[in-house]
Amino acid sequence: MLPFLIVGGIGVLLLLISLLLGDVFDSFDVGDGLFSATSLGVGAIVFGASGTLTLGAGLELVWAYVLAVVLALVAYVLTALLVRSLNRSSDGVPATAIGLSGVTRSDIGPAGGEVSLDGTHEVERRLAYSSEPISEGVRVRVVGQTGMRVKVEPE
């Protein structure tokens, strides 16, 4: 039973590392998401848990290993496919706000202010700045963007 507990514990550690630091294998660019710490962690946890449960149910050691390996491989493949699908669906590129219109929510100047934009992905206020002072409640258009901060001018 000890080998199953050790492998399961290693799986928990891999998942924690993956959660806290991101996927450790991302920097190696191996397998397009098919080789990931998350998938390995899930596979190791399933191996440990199924082996321990199989032995606890009274089956022989050989069947515990067979069942543990089969279930771990299934869990690994399913998790790897899920991770790969999620990685492909997120492009990681923020949508540009240049060209959007909106309304100033505070006075805006070179030092900054806030604006609400009319874009479909715009649900919160953004930090904004402008070359010239703009009063609260004025319609504006985005002419530049630095990170999440936008440069605006009156329409």
C-alpha atoms as a PDB file:
ATOM      1  CA  MET A   1       0.000   0.000   0.000  1.00  0.00           C
ATOM      2  CA  LEU A   2       2.947   2.314   0.656  1.00  0.00           C
ATOM      3  CA  PRO A   3       3.944   2.706  -3.031  1.00  0.00           C
ATOM      4  CA  PHE A   4       0.410   3.839  -3.873  1.00  0.00           C
ATOM      5  CA  LEU A   5       0.455   6.427  -1.093  1.00  0.00           C
ATOM      6  CA  ILE A   6       3.864   7.729  -2.179  1.00  0.00           C
ATOM      7  CA  VAL A   7       2.843   8.083  -5.838  1.00  0.00           C
ATOM      8  CA  GLY A   8      -0.446   9.726  -4.803  1.00  0.00           C
ATOM      9  CA  GLY A   9       1.467  12.156  -2.575  1.00  0.00           C
ATOM     10  CA  ILE A  10       3.790  13.043  -5.452  1.00  0.00           C
ATOM     11  CA  GLY A  11       0.688  13.702  -7.547  1.00  0.00           C
ATOM     12  CA  VAL A  12      -0.667  16.101  -4.933  1.00  0.00           C
ATOM     13  CA  LEU A  13       2.687  17.918  -4.879  1.00  0.00           C
ATOM     14  CA  LEU A  14       2.701  18.209  -8.681  1.00  0.00           C
ATOM     15  CA  LEU A  15      -0.796  19.669  -8.639  1.00  0.00           C
ATOM     16  CA  LEU A  16       0.140  22.167  -5.919  1.00  0.00           C
ATOM     17  CA  ILE A  17       3.253  23.242  -7.811  1.00  0.00           C
ATOM     18  CA  SER A  18       1.211  23.545 -10.995  1.00  0.00           C
ATOM     19  CA  LEU A  19      -1.404  25.613  -9.177  1.00  0.00           C
ATOM     20  CA  LEU A  20       1.066  27.939  -7.488  1.00  0.00           C
ATOM     21  CA  LEU A  21       3.740  28.307 -10.173  1.00  0.00           C
ATOM     22  CA  GLY A  22       1.930  27.424 -13.368  1.00  0.00           C
ATOM     23  CA  ASP A  23       2.642  24.359 -15.437  1.00  0.00           C
ATOM     24  CA  VAL A  24       6.271  23.389 -14.924  1.00  0.00           C
ATOM     25  CA  PHE A  25       6.552  21.847 -18.380  1.00  0.00           C
ATOM     26  CA  ASP A  26       5.268  24.917 -20.282  1.00  0.00           C
ATOM     27  CA  SER A  27       8.811  26.219 -20.672  1.00  0.00           C
ATOM     28  CA  PHE A  28       9.856  22.980 -22.429  1.00  0.00           C
ATOM     29  CA  ASP A  29       7.074  23.316 -25.069  1.00  0.00           C
ATOM     30  CA  VAL A  30       6.550  19.554 -25.182  1.00  0.00           C
ATOM     31  CA  GLY A  31       3.485  17.849 -26.639  1.00  0.00           C
ATOM     32  CA  ASP A  32       1.179  20.861 -27.070  1.00  0.00           C
ATOM     33  CA  GLY A  33      -0.417  20.361 -23.648  1.00  0.00           C
ATOM     34  CA  LEU A  34      -0.337  16.566 -23.731  1.00  0.00           C
ATOM     35  CA  PHE A  35       2.587  16.561 -21.312  1.00  0.00           C
ATOM     36  CA  SER A  36       1.721  18.728 -18.331  1.00  0.00           C
ATOM     37  CA  ALA A  37       2.293  18.736 -14.595  1.00  0.00           C
ATOM     38  CA  THR A  38      -1.454  18.951 -14.062  1.00  0.00           C
ATOM     39  CA  SER A  39      -2.090  15.790 -16.090  1.00  0.00           C
ATOM     40  CA  LEU A  40       0.775  13.941 -14.421  1.00  0.00           C
ATOM     41  CA  GLY A  41      -0.480  15.028 -11.001  1.00  0.00           C
ATOM     42  CA  VAL A  42      -4.012  13.839 -11.701  1.00  0.00           C
ATOM     43  CA  GLY A  43      -2.708  10.529 -13.077  1.00  0.00           C
ATOM     44  CA  ALA A  44      -0.502   9.981 -10.013  1.00  0.00           C
ATOM     45  CA  ILE A  45      -3.349  10.798  -7.625  1.00  0.00           C
ATOM     46  CA  VAL A  46      -5.707   8.397  -9.423  1.00  0.00           C
ATOM     47  CA  PHE A  47      -2.984   5.718  -9.413  1.00  0.00           C
ATOM     48  CA  GLY A  48      -2.457   6.123  -5.674  1.00  0.00           C
ATOM     49  CA  ALA A  49      -6.122   6.313  -4.771  1.00  0.00           C
ATOM     50  CA  SER A  50      -7.288   3.429  -6.951  1.00  0.00           C
ATOM     51  CA  GLY A  51      -4.411   1.188  -5.820  1.00  0.00           C
ATOM     52  CA  THR A  52      -5.090   1.943  -2.170  1.00  0.00           C
ATOM     53  CA  LEU A  53      -8.831   1.375  -2.572  1.00  0.00           C
ATOM     54  CA  THR A  54      -8.292  -1.850  -4.517  1.00  0.00           C
ATOM     55  CA  LEU A  55      -5.996  -3.243  -1.823  1.00  0.00           C
ATOM     56  CA  GLY A  56      -8.440  -2.087   0.838  1.00  0.00           C
ATOM     57  CA  ALA A  57     -11.205  -3.991  -0.907  1.00  0.00           C
ATOM     58  CA  GLY A  58      -9.191  -7.199  -0.551  1.00  0.00           C
ATOM     59  CA  LEU A  59      -8.045  -7.781  -4.143  1.00  0.00           C
ATOM     60  CA  GLU A  60      -4.620  -9.198  -4.818  1.00  0.00           C
ATOM     61  CA  LEU A  61      -1.629  -6.906  -5.274  1.00  0.00           C
ATOM     62  CA  VAL A  62      -1.270  -7.649  -8.995  1.00  0.00           C
ATOM     63  CA  TRP A  63      -4.890  -6.550  -9.637  1.00  0.00           C
ATOM     64  CA  ALA A  64      -4.348  -3.423  -7.591  1.00  0.00           C
ATOM     65  CA  TYR A  65      -1.429  -2.454  -9.860  1.00  0.00           C
ATOM     66  CA  VAL A  66      -3.291  -3.347 -13.061  1.00  0.00           C
ATOM     67  CA  LEU A  67      -6.371  -1.377 -12.070  1.00  0.00           C
ATOM     68  CA  ALA A  68      -4.313   1.540 -10.792  1.00  0.00           C
ATOM     69  CA  VAL A  69      -2.271   1.781 -13.996  1.00  0.00           C
ATOM     70  CA  VAL A  70      -5.330   1.559 -16.261  1.00  0.00           C
ATOM     71  CA  LEU A  71      -7.311   4.166 -14.317  1.00  0.00           C
ATOM     72  CA  ALA A  72      -4.268   6.449 -14.032  1.00  0.00           C
ATOM     73  CA  LEU A  73      -3.704   6.312 -17.805  1.00  0.00           C
ATOM     74  CA  VAL A  74      -7.361   7.089 -18.483  1.00  0.00           C
ATOM     75  CA  ALA A  75      -7.296   9.996 -16.025  1.00  0.00           C
ATOM     76  CA  TYR A  76      -4.014  11.275 -17.499  1.00  0.00           C
ATOM     77  CA  VAL A  77      -5.291  11.210 -21.083  1.00  0.00           C
ATOM     78  CA  LEU A  78      -8.616  12.852 -20.204  1.00  0.00           C
ATOM     79  CA  THR A  79      -6.892  15.561 -18.168  1.00  0.00           C
ATOM     80  CA  ALA A  80      -4.266  16.156 -20.861  1.00  0.00           C
ATOM     81  CA  LEU A  81      -6.962  16.547 -23.512  1.00  0.00           C
ATOM     82  CA  LEU A  82      -8.868  18.947 -21.285  1.00  0.00           C
ATOM     83  CA  VAL A  83      -5.740  21.020 -20.554  1.00  0.00           C
ATOM     84  CA  ARG A  84      -4.868  21.069 -24.251  1.00  0.00           C
ATOM     85  CA  SER A  85      -8.390  22.170 -25.170  1.00  0.00           C
ATOM     86  CA  LEU A  86      -8.354  24.936 -22.565  1.00  0.00           C
ATOM     87  CA  ASN A  87      -4.933  26.162 -23.725  1.00  0.00           C
ATOM     88  CA  ARG A  88      -6.118  26.343 -27.321  1.00  0.00           C
ATOM     89  CA  SER A  89      -9.301  28.202 -26.406  1.00  0.00           C
ATOM     90  CA  SER A  90      -7.541  31.015 -24.585  1.00  0.00           C
ATOM     91  CA  ASP A  91      -5.530  33.284 -26.816  1.00  0.00           C
ATOM     92  CA  GLY A  92      -4.052  35.316 -23.963  1.00  0.00           C
ATOM     93  CA  VAL A  93      -4.144  38.486 -26.034  1.00  0.00           C
ATOM     94  CA  PRO A  94      -6.207  41.287 -24.512  1.00  0.00           C
ATOM     95  CA  ALA A  95      -8.729  42.897 -26.829  1.00  0.00           C
ATOM     96  CA  THR A  96      -7.757  46.345 -27.953  1.00  0.00           C
ATOM     97  CA  ALA A  97      -9.923  49.247 -26.871  1.00  0.00           C
ATOM     98  CA  ILE A  98      -8.666  51.647 -29.554  1.00  0.00           C
ATOM     99  CA  GLY A  99     -11.601  53.111 -31.445  1.00  0.00           C
ATOM    100  CA  LEU A 100     -14.191  52.428 -28.726  1.00  0.00           C
ATOM    101  CA  SER A 101     -16.395  55.219 -27.429  1.00  0.00           C
ATOM    102  CA  GLY A 102     -17.434  55.845 -23.885  1.00  0.00           C
ATOM    103  CA  VAL A 103     -18.222  58.341 -21.154  1.00  0.00           C
ATOM    104  CA  THR A 104     -15.864  59.885 -18.618  1.00  0.00           C
ATOM    105  CA  ARG A 105     -16.730  58.897 -15.041  1.00  0.00           C
ATOM    106  CA  SER A 106     -14.410  61.479 -13.506  1.00  0.00           C
ATOM    107  CA  ASP A 107     -12.404  64.455 -14.665  1.00  0.00           C
ATOM    108  CA  ILE A 108      -9.611  63.228 -16.920  1.00  0.00           C
ATOM    109  CA  GLY A 109      -6.276  64.863 -17.637  1.00  0.00           C
ATOM    110  CA  PRO A 110      -2.639  63.906 -18.150  1.00  0.00           C
ATOM    111  CA  ALA A 111      -2.543  62.547 -14.571  1.00  0.00           C
ATOM    112  CA  GLY A 112      -5.503  60.237 -15.203  1.00  0.00           C
ATOM    113  CA  GLY A 113      -9.140  59.568 -14.460  1.00  0.00           C
ATOM    114  CA  GLU A 114     -11.783  56.932 -15.189  1.00  0.00           C
ATOM    115  CA  VAL A 115     -13.901  56.122 -18.213  1.00  0.00           C
ATOM    116  CA  SER A 116     -16.649  53.587 -19.014  1.00  0.00           C
ATOM    117  CA  LEU A 117     -16.400  52.216 -22.537  1.00  0.00           C
ATOM    118  CA  ASP A 118     -19.194  50.855 -24.747  1.00  0.00           C
ATOM    119  CA  GLY A 119     -17.408  47.717 -26.016  1.00  0.00           C
ATOM    120  CA  THR A 120     -18.895  44.234 -25.633  1.00  0.00           C
ATOM    121  CA  HIS A 121     -16.033  43.109 -23.357  1.00  0.00           C
ATOM    122  CA  GLU A 122     -16.055  46.295 -21.293  1.00  0.00           C
ATOM    123  CA  VAL A 123     -17.884  45.664 -18.024  1.00  0.00           C
ATOM    124  CA  GLU A 124     -15.821  47.781 -15.654  1.00  0.00           C
ATOM    125  CA  ARG A 125     -14.359  51.225 -15.614  1.00  0.00           C
ATOM    126  CA  ARG A 126     -10.894  51.735 -17.033  1.00  0.00           C
ATOM    127  CA  LEU A 127      -8.137  54.055 -16.009  1.00  0.00           C
ATOM    128  CA  ALA A 128      -7.792  56.747 -18.645  1.00  0.00           C
ATOM    129  CA  TYR A 129      -5.709  59.806 -19.420  1.00  0.00           C
ATOM    130  CA  SER A 130      -5.764  62.553 -22.015  1.00  0.00           C
ATOM    131  CA  SER A 131      -3.535  65.297 -23.377  1.00  0.00           C
ATOM    132  CA  GLU A 132      -6.043  67.970 -22.395  1.00  0.00           C
ATOM    133  CA  PRO A 133      -8.463  68.151 -19.449  1.00  0.00           C
ATOM    134  CA  ILE A 134     -11.873  66.528 -20.038  1.00  0.00           C
ATOM    135  CA  SER A 135     -14.798  66.982 -17.643  1.00  0.00           C
ATOM    136  CA  GLU A 136     -16.889  64.192 -16.121  1.00  0.00           C
ATOM    137  CA  GLY A 137     -19.823  63.009 -18.280  1.00  0.00           C
ATOM    138  CA  VAL A 138     -18.284  63.862 -21.654  1.00  0.00           C
ATOM    139  CA  ARG A 139     -18.392  61.364 -24.567  1.00  0.00           C
ATOM    140  CA  VAL A 140     -14.895  60.281 -25.511  1.00  0.00           C
ATOM    141  CA  ARG A 141     -13.110  58.028 -28.004  1.00  0.00           C
ATOM    142  CA  VAL A 142     -10.079  55.847 -27.259  1.00  0.00           C
ATOM    143  CA  VAL A 143      -7.033  56.859 -29.338  1.00  0.00           C
ATOM    144  CA  GLY A 144      -4.324  54.857 -27.579  1.00  0.00           C
ATOM    145  CA  GLN A 145      -3.779  52.057 -25.103  1.00  0.00           C
ATOM    146  CA  THR A 146      -0.992  51.078 -22.721  1.00  0.00           C
ATOM    147  CA  GLY A 147      -1.807  47.824 -20.974  1.00  0.00           C
ATOM    148  CA  MET A 148      -5.289  48.302 -19.559  1.00  0.00           C
ATOM    149  CA  ARG A 149      -4.965  52.111 -19.390  1.00  0.00           C
ATOM    150  CA  VAL A 150      -6.430  54.040 -22.315  1.00  0.00           C
ATOM    151  CA  LYS A 151      -5.754  57.449 -23.824  1.00  0.00           C
ATOM    152  CA  VAL A 152      -8.952  59.287 -24.741  1.00  0.00           C
ATOM    153  CA  GLU A 153     -10.036  62.457 -26.480  1.00  0.00           C
ATOM    154  CA  PRO A 154     -13.447  64.119 -26.772  1.00  0.00           C
ATOM    155  CA  GLU A 155     -15.632  62.892 -29.660  1.00  0.00           C
END
